[in-house]
Amino acid sequence: MKNIIFIILIFPFVGIAQQTYVPDDAFEQELINLGLDDVLNDSVYTSAIDTVLYLFIPNMGISDLKGIENFSSLTELFCYDNQIVSLDLSSNGNLFEVNCSNNQLISLSVKNGNPSGLWYFTAVDNPSLLCVEVDNVSFANYSWQIDNTAVFSTNCTVSSLVESQSKRKITKIIDFYGREVVDVHYNSLYFYIYSDGSIEKINYLK
């Protein structure tokens, strides 16, 4: 009887690990410093960042946080005192705290499907920021902080913002204690309540 020998060739399946595009060198360098990356090449392995819960990167010279969308588990983001121009957090549905103050923001979205989950949010000292895109305008006005020159909206396109501003009317003015006032005075803090549900804090200084 002849022995029949079966030769099985095993070809290893080589998987290509998914990578996230990170074009800002200052941001990627911080990811390297945190042990989440090892080579400055405009990319990072997605598997290294999608379980990160806390990101503390203030005053690092960052101008672009592209790649933040794949930090899918992120709950806390502190990126204040940078030069960030645009920030899209619409894919970060687990956020609990965000501080992106003192940047150069002109575009900001926190419309992530979980408005009440974001307990602390501040984006003050961004003088060129006119609109912050959110899921719930009333909740944002009550709970979050932005400059008086900006508004919260569910749609921050130019046309919708102009239309919203043209329709917005003051319905009530209240003082710090919630009392409705008719005449305003210097050195006092007031809250203007508008017909679209937005609230603007005005501090009259002499």
Protein backbone atom coordinates (compact mmCIF):
# COMPACT_ATOMS: atom_id res chain seq x y z
CA MET A 1 0.00 0.00 0.00
CA LYS A 2 1.28 3.33 -0.95
CA ASN A 3 1.40 5.97 1.68
CA ILE A 4 -0.42 9.05 0.57
CA ILE A 5 0.98 12.19 2.01
CA PHE A 6 -1.16 15.27 2.05
CA ILE A 7 0.79 18.44 2.05
CA ILE A 8 -1.21 21.31 3.39
CA LEU A 9 0.08 24.72 2.65
CA ILE A 10 -0.88 27.19 5.29
CA PHE A 11 -0.93 30.78 4.24
CA PRO A 12 -1.10 33.14 7.20
CA PHE A 13 -3.86 35.67 7.03
CA VAL A 14 -2.24 38.99 7.52
CA GLY A 15 -4.73 41.55 8.81
CA ILE A 16 -4.15 45.20 8.15
CA ALA A 17 -4.64 47.11 11.38
CA GLN A 18 -6.96 50.07 11.04
CA GLN A 19 -5.30 53.46 11.37
CA THR A 20 -6.64 56.89 12.23
CA TYR A 21 -5.47 59.97 10.36
CA VAL A 22 -3.84 62.54 12.67
CA PRO A 23 -2.47 65.38 10.51
CA ASP A 24 -1.46 67.77 13.30
CA ASP A 25 2.10 66.99 14.39
CA ALA A 26 1.66 68.61 17.79
CA PHE A 27 -1.39 66.45 18.51
CA GLU A 28 0.33 63.27 17.34
CA GLN A 29 3.42 64.10 19.38
CA GLU A 30 1.26 64.29 22.48
CA LEU A 31 -0.19 60.88 21.62
CA ILE A 32 3.39 59.59 21.39
CA ASN A 33 4.20 61.18 24.75
CA LEU A 34 1.18 59.40 26.22
CA GLY A 35 2.34 56.06 24.85
CA LEU A 36 -0.49 55.79 22.34
CA ASP A 37 1.75 56.05 19.26
CA ASP A 38 5.43 55.61 18.47
CA VAL A 39 6.18 57.19 15.09
CA LEU A 40 5.38 60.72 13.89
CA ASN A 41 3.77 59.75 10.57
CA ASP A 42 0.33 61.44 10.57
CA SER A 43 -1.44 58.30 11.78
CA VAL A 44 -2.07 56.22 14.87
CA TYR A 45 -3.48 52.73 15.30
CA THR A 46 -7.19 53.04 16.03
CA SER A 47 -6.96 50.16 18.49
CA ALA A 48 -4.58 52.28 20.58
CA ILE A 49 -7.04 55.16 21.02
CA ASP A 50 -10.58 53.75 20.90
CA THR A 51 -10.48 52.74 24.58
CA VAL A 52 -8.95 55.99 25.90
CA LEU A 53 -11.20 57.60 28.51
CA TYR A 54 -9.25 60.73 29.47
CA LEU A 55 -7.31 63.16 27.27
CA PHE A 56 -5.55 66.10 28.91
CA ILE A 57 -3.72 68.16 26.26
CA PRO A 58 -3.89 71.89 27.13
CA ASN A 59 -1.36 74.46 25.87
CA MET A 60 0.41 72.10 23.46
CA GLY A 61 0.37 74.21 20.28
CA ILE A 62 -2.32 72.04 18.68
CA SER A 63 -4.30 73.56 15.80
CA ASP A 64 -6.21 70.49 14.56
CA LEU A 65 -7.78 67.65 16.55
CA LYS A 66 -8.64 65.60 13.48
CA GLY A 67 -8.63 61.98 14.64
CA ILE A 68 -10.55 62.72 17.85
CA GLU A 69 -13.61 61.12 16.23
CA ASN A 70 -12.08 57.66 16.74
CA PHE A 71 -11.59 58.18 20.48
CA SER A 72 -14.96 56.45 20.76
CA SER A 73 -14.76 55.75 24.52
CA LEU A 74 -13.60 59.24 25.48
CA THR A 75 -15.36 60.72 28.53
CA GLU A 76 -13.11 63.69 29.38
CA LEU A 77 -11.39 66.08 26.97
CA PHE A 78 -9.34 69.06 28.13
CA CYS A 79 -7.81 70.85 25.12
CA TYR A 80 -7.92 74.48 26.26
CA ASP A 81 -5.20 77.06 25.52
CA ASN A 82 -4.36 75.75 22.04
CA GLN A 83 -4.92 77.14 18.52
CA ILE A 84 -7.69 74.77 17.45
CA VAL A 85 -9.82 76.19 14.64
CA SER A 86 -12.39 73.43 14.11
CA LEU A 87 -13.57 70.77 16.54
CA ASP A 88 -16.07 68.03 15.70
CA LEU A 89 -17.15 65.92 18.69
CA SER A 90 -20.27 64.54 17.05
CA SER A 91 -18.84 61.00 17.10
CA ASN A 92 -17.88 61.12 20.78
CA GLY A 93 -21.12 60.07 22.42
CA ASN A 94 -19.64 59.19 25.82
CA LEU A 95 -18.32 62.63 26.70
CA PHE A 96 -18.86 63.77 30.29
CA GLU A 97 -16.51 66.77 30.56
CA VAL A 98 -15.12 69.08 27.85
CA ASN A 99 -13.01 72.21 28.14
CA CYS A 100 -11.99 73.72 24.80
CA SER A 101 -11.73 77.32 25.97
CA ASN A 102 -9.16 79.84 24.74
CA ASN A 103 -8.65 78.46 21.24
CA GLN A 104 -9.31 79.97 17.81
CA LEU A 105 -12.50 78.05 17.13
CA ILE A 106 -14.77 79.05 14.27
CA SER A 107 -16.55 75.68 14.07
CA LEU A 108 -17.64 73.48 16.96
CA SER A 109 -20.07 70.56 17.13
CA VAL A 110 -21.08 68.60 20.21
CA LYS A 111 -24.16 67.19 18.52
CA ASN A 112 -23.36 63.63 19.57
CA GLY A 113 -26.77 62.17 20.40
CA ASN A 114 -26.23 62.32 24.16
CA PRO A 115 -26.71 65.94 25.30
CA SER A 116 -27.55 65.25 28.93
CA GLY A 117 -24.51 63.00 29.27
CA LEU A 118 -22.18 65.97 28.88
CA TRP A 119 -22.20 67.28 32.43
CA TYR A 120 -19.51 69.97 32.10
CA PHE A 121 -18.83 71.95 28.92
CA THR A 122 -17.06 75.26 28.43
CA ALA A 123 -15.85 76.90 25.22
CA VAL A 124 -15.33 80.50 26.34
CA ASP A 125 -12.61 82.81 24.99
CA ASN A 126 -13.19 81.80 21.39
CA PRO A 127 -14.08 85.24 19.96
CA SER A 128 -14.57 84.04 16.36
CA LEU A 129 -17.00 81.29 17.33
CA LEU A 130 -20.55 82.32 16.45
CA CYS A 131 -22.43 79.02 16.71
CA VAL A 132 -22.10 75.73 18.61
CA GLU A 133 -23.99 72.81 17.13
CA VAL A 134 -25.88 70.78 19.75
CA ASP A 135 -28.71 68.27 20.11
CA ASN A 136 -30.74 70.26 22.63
CA VAL A 137 -30.57 74.08 22.64
CA SER A 138 -32.46 74.58 25.90
CA PHE A 139 -30.28 72.10 27.79
CA ALA A 140 -27.11 73.67 26.39
CA ASN A 141 -28.22 77.19 27.32
CA TYR A 142 -28.95 76.11 30.86
CA SER A 143 -25.91 73.90 31.47
CA TRP A 144 -22.99 74.89 29.23
CA GLN A 145 -20.76 77.94 28.85
CA ILE A 146 -19.89 79.85 25.69
CA ASP A 147 -19.09 83.48 24.88
CA ASN A 148 -21.96 85.98 24.65
CA THR A 149 -21.16 86.41 20.97
CA ALA A 150 -22.02 82.77 20.23
CA VAL A 151 -25.29 80.83 20.22
CA PHE A 152 -26.29 77.19 20.49
CA SER A 153 -28.14 75.73 17.52
CA THR A 154 -29.14 72.35 16.13
CA ASN A 155 -27.92 73.54 12.73
CA CYS A 156 -24.94 75.86 12.41
CA THR A 157 -25.02 76.41 8.67
CA VAL A 158 -24.78 80.10 7.73
CA SER A 159 -28.29 80.25 6.27
CA SER A 160 -29.94 78.65 9.29
CA LEU A 161 -28.01 80.85 11.70
CA VAL A 162 -29.04 84.03 9.88
CA GLU A 163 -32.65 82.87 9.80
CA SER A 164 -32.57 82.01 13.51
CA GLN A 165 -31.08 85.36 14.44
CA SER A 166 -33.65 87.25 12.37
CA LYS A 167 -36.55 85.46 14.07
CA ARG A 168 -35.15 85.62 17.60
CA LYS A 169 -36.87 88.12 19.91
CA ILE A 170 -36.39 88.97 23.56
CA THR A 171 -39.28 87.57 25.59
CA LYS A 172 -38.05 88.31 29.11
CA ILE A 173 -35.17 89.85 31.06
CA ILE A 174 -34.39 88.45 34.50
CA ASP A 175 -31.82 89.32 37.12
CA PHE A 176 -29.39 87.03 38.95
CA TYR A 177 -32.17 85.91 41.32
CA GLY A 178 -34.59 85.04 38.53
CA ARG A 179 -36.78 88.11 38.99
CA GLU A 180 -38.17 89.69 35.86
CA VAL A 181 -36.96 93.27 35.30
CA VAL A 182 -38.06 96.12 33.07
CA ASP A 183 -35.27 98.66 33.53
CA VAL A 184 -31.64 97.58 33.45
CA HIS A 185 -28.90 99.30 35.44
CA TYR A 186 -25.14 99.51 35.29
CA ASN A 187 -22.95 97.12 37.30
CA SER A 188 -25.62 94.46 37.20
CA LEU A 189 -25.91 91.01 35.70
CA TYR A 190 -28.95 90.13 33.58
CA PHE A 191 -30.15 87.17 31.56
CA TYR A 192 -31.93 87.83 28.25
CA ILE A 193 -34.39 85.06 27.36
CA TYR A 194 -35.22 84.79 23.65
CA SER A 195 -38.14 83.34 21.75
CA ASP A 196 -36.05 80.42 20.45
CA GLY A 197 -35.26 79.25 23.99
CA SER A 198 -31.72 80.63 24.02
CA ILE A 199 -30.41 82.63 26.97
CA GLU A 200 -27.76 85.35 26.83
CA LYS A 201 -25.89 86.57 29.88
CA ILE A 202 -25.33 90.35 29.86
CA ASN A 203 -23.14 92.14 32.36
CA TYR A 204 -23.68 95.89 32.23
CA LEU A 205 -20.52 97.62 33.39
CA LYS A 206 -20.24 101.38 33.69
